[in-house]
């Protein structure tokens, strides 16, 4: 399983499941490292900084 924040593997028992609610639907669940991690820059940002 991979972390939805940093895109690195998560070992069993080190994950945290967080529900995400949406105004347009049922929402979903994201899986993160327990205790935090750094945001991956592998995915492009919608708008460049300073815009």
C-alpha atoms as a PDB file:
ATOM      1  CA  UNK A   1       0.000   0.000   0.000  1.00  0.00           C
ATOM      2  CA  UNK A   2       1.243   3.538  -0.767  1.00  0.00           C
ATOM      3  CA  UNK A   3       0.736   6.777   1.149  1.00  0.00           C
ATOM      4  CA  UNK A   4      -1.600   9.254  -0.579  1.00  0.00           C
ATOM      5  CA  UNK A   5       0.503  12.173   0.719  1.00  0.00           C
ATOM      6  CA  UNK A   6       4.141  11.208   0.034  1.00  0.00           C
ATOM      7  CA  UNK A   7       3.574   8.337  -2.448  1.00  0.00           C
ATOM      8  CA  UNK A   8       5.954   6.017  -0.518  1.00  0.00           C
ATOM      9  CA  UNK A   9       5.156   2.474   0.687  1.00  0.00           C
ATOM     10  CA  UNK A  10       3.468   2.017   4.070  1.00  0.00           C
ATOM     11  CA  UNK A  11       4.243  -1.023   6.195  1.00  0.00           C
ATOM     12  CA  UNK A  12       1.322  -2.867   7.800  1.00  0.00           C
ATOM     13  CA  UNK A  13       0.265  -1.181  11.041  1.00  0.00           C
ATOM     14  CA  UNK A  14       1.840   2.178  10.121  1.00  0.00           C
ATOM     15  CA  UNK A  15      -1.137   3.488   8.175  1.00  0.00           C
ATOM     16  CA  UNK A  16      -3.862   5.914   9.170  1.00  0.00           C
ATOM     17  CA  UNK A  17      -7.153   5.968   7.264  1.00  0.00           C
ATOM     18  CA  UNK A  18      -8.809   9.384   7.059  1.00  0.00           C
ATOM     19  CA  UNK A  19     -12.347   9.811   5.706  1.00  0.00           C
ATOM     20  CA  UNK A  20     -12.817  12.671   3.238  1.00  0.00           C
ATOM     21  CA  UNK A  21     -16.320  14.075   2.919  1.00  0.00           C
ATOM     22  CA  UNK A  22     -17.498  15.769  -0.246  1.00  0.00           C
ATOM     23  CA  UNK A  23     -20.401  18.111  -0.804  1.00  0.00           C
ATOM     24  CA  UNK A  24     -21.106  16.502  -4.161  1.00  0.00           C
ATOM     25  CA  UNK A  25     -20.958  12.851  -3.166  1.00  0.00           C
ATOM     26  CA  UNK A  26     -20.256  10.208  -0.578  1.00  0.00           C
ATOM     27  CA  UNK A  27     -16.561  11.091  -0.279  1.00  0.00           C
ATOM     28  CA  UNK A  28     -13.751   8.612   0.154  1.00  0.00           C
ATOM     29  CA  UNK A  29     -10.841   7.551   2.336  1.00  0.00           C
ATOM     30  CA  UNK A  30      -7.176   8.501   2.089  1.00  0.00           C
ATOM     31  CA  UNK A  31      -4.387   6.363   3.542  1.00  0.00           C
ATOM     32  CA  UNK A  32      -1.488   8.232   5.192  1.00  0.00           C
ATOM     33  CA  UNK A  33       1.603   7.421   7.248  1.00  0.00           C
ATOM     34  CA  UNK A  34       0.758   7.545  10.931  1.00  0.00           C
ATOM     35  CA  UNK A  35       2.647  10.451  12.502  1.00  0.00           C
ATOM     36  CA  UNK A  36       3.016  12.480   9.303  1.00  0.00           C
ATOM     37  CA  UNK A  37       5.283  12.617   6.278  1.00  0.00           C
ATOM     38  CA  UNK A  38       6.439  15.082   3.618  1.00  0.00           C
ATOM     39  CA  UNK A  39       4.253  15.952   0.632  1.00  0.00           C
ATOM     40  CA  UNK A  40       5.502  14.452  -2.625  1.00  0.00           C
ATOM     41  CA  UNK A  41       6.161  16.821  -5.527  1.00  0.00           C
ATOM     42  CA  UNK A  42       5.745  13.976  -8.017  1.00  0.00           C
ATOM     43  CA  UNK A  43       2.330  15.302  -9.081  1.00  0.00           C
ATOM     44  CA  UNK A  44       2.122  18.703 -10.790  1.00  0.00           C
ATOM     45  CA  UNK A  45       0.528  21.577  -8.900  1.00  0.00           C
ATOM     46  CA  UNK A  46      -2.704  22.981 -10.356  1.00  0.00           C
ATOM     47  CA  UNK A  47      -1.377  26.549 -10.307  1.00  0.00           C
ATOM     48  CA  UNK A  48       2.228  27.686 -10.002  1.00  0.00           C
ATOM     49  CA  UNK A  49       3.213  29.316  -6.683  1.00  0.00           C
ATOM     50  CA  UNK A  50       2.717  33.070  -6.517  1.00  0.00           C
ATOM     51  CA  UNK A  51      -0.276  33.088  -8.786  1.00  0.00           C
END
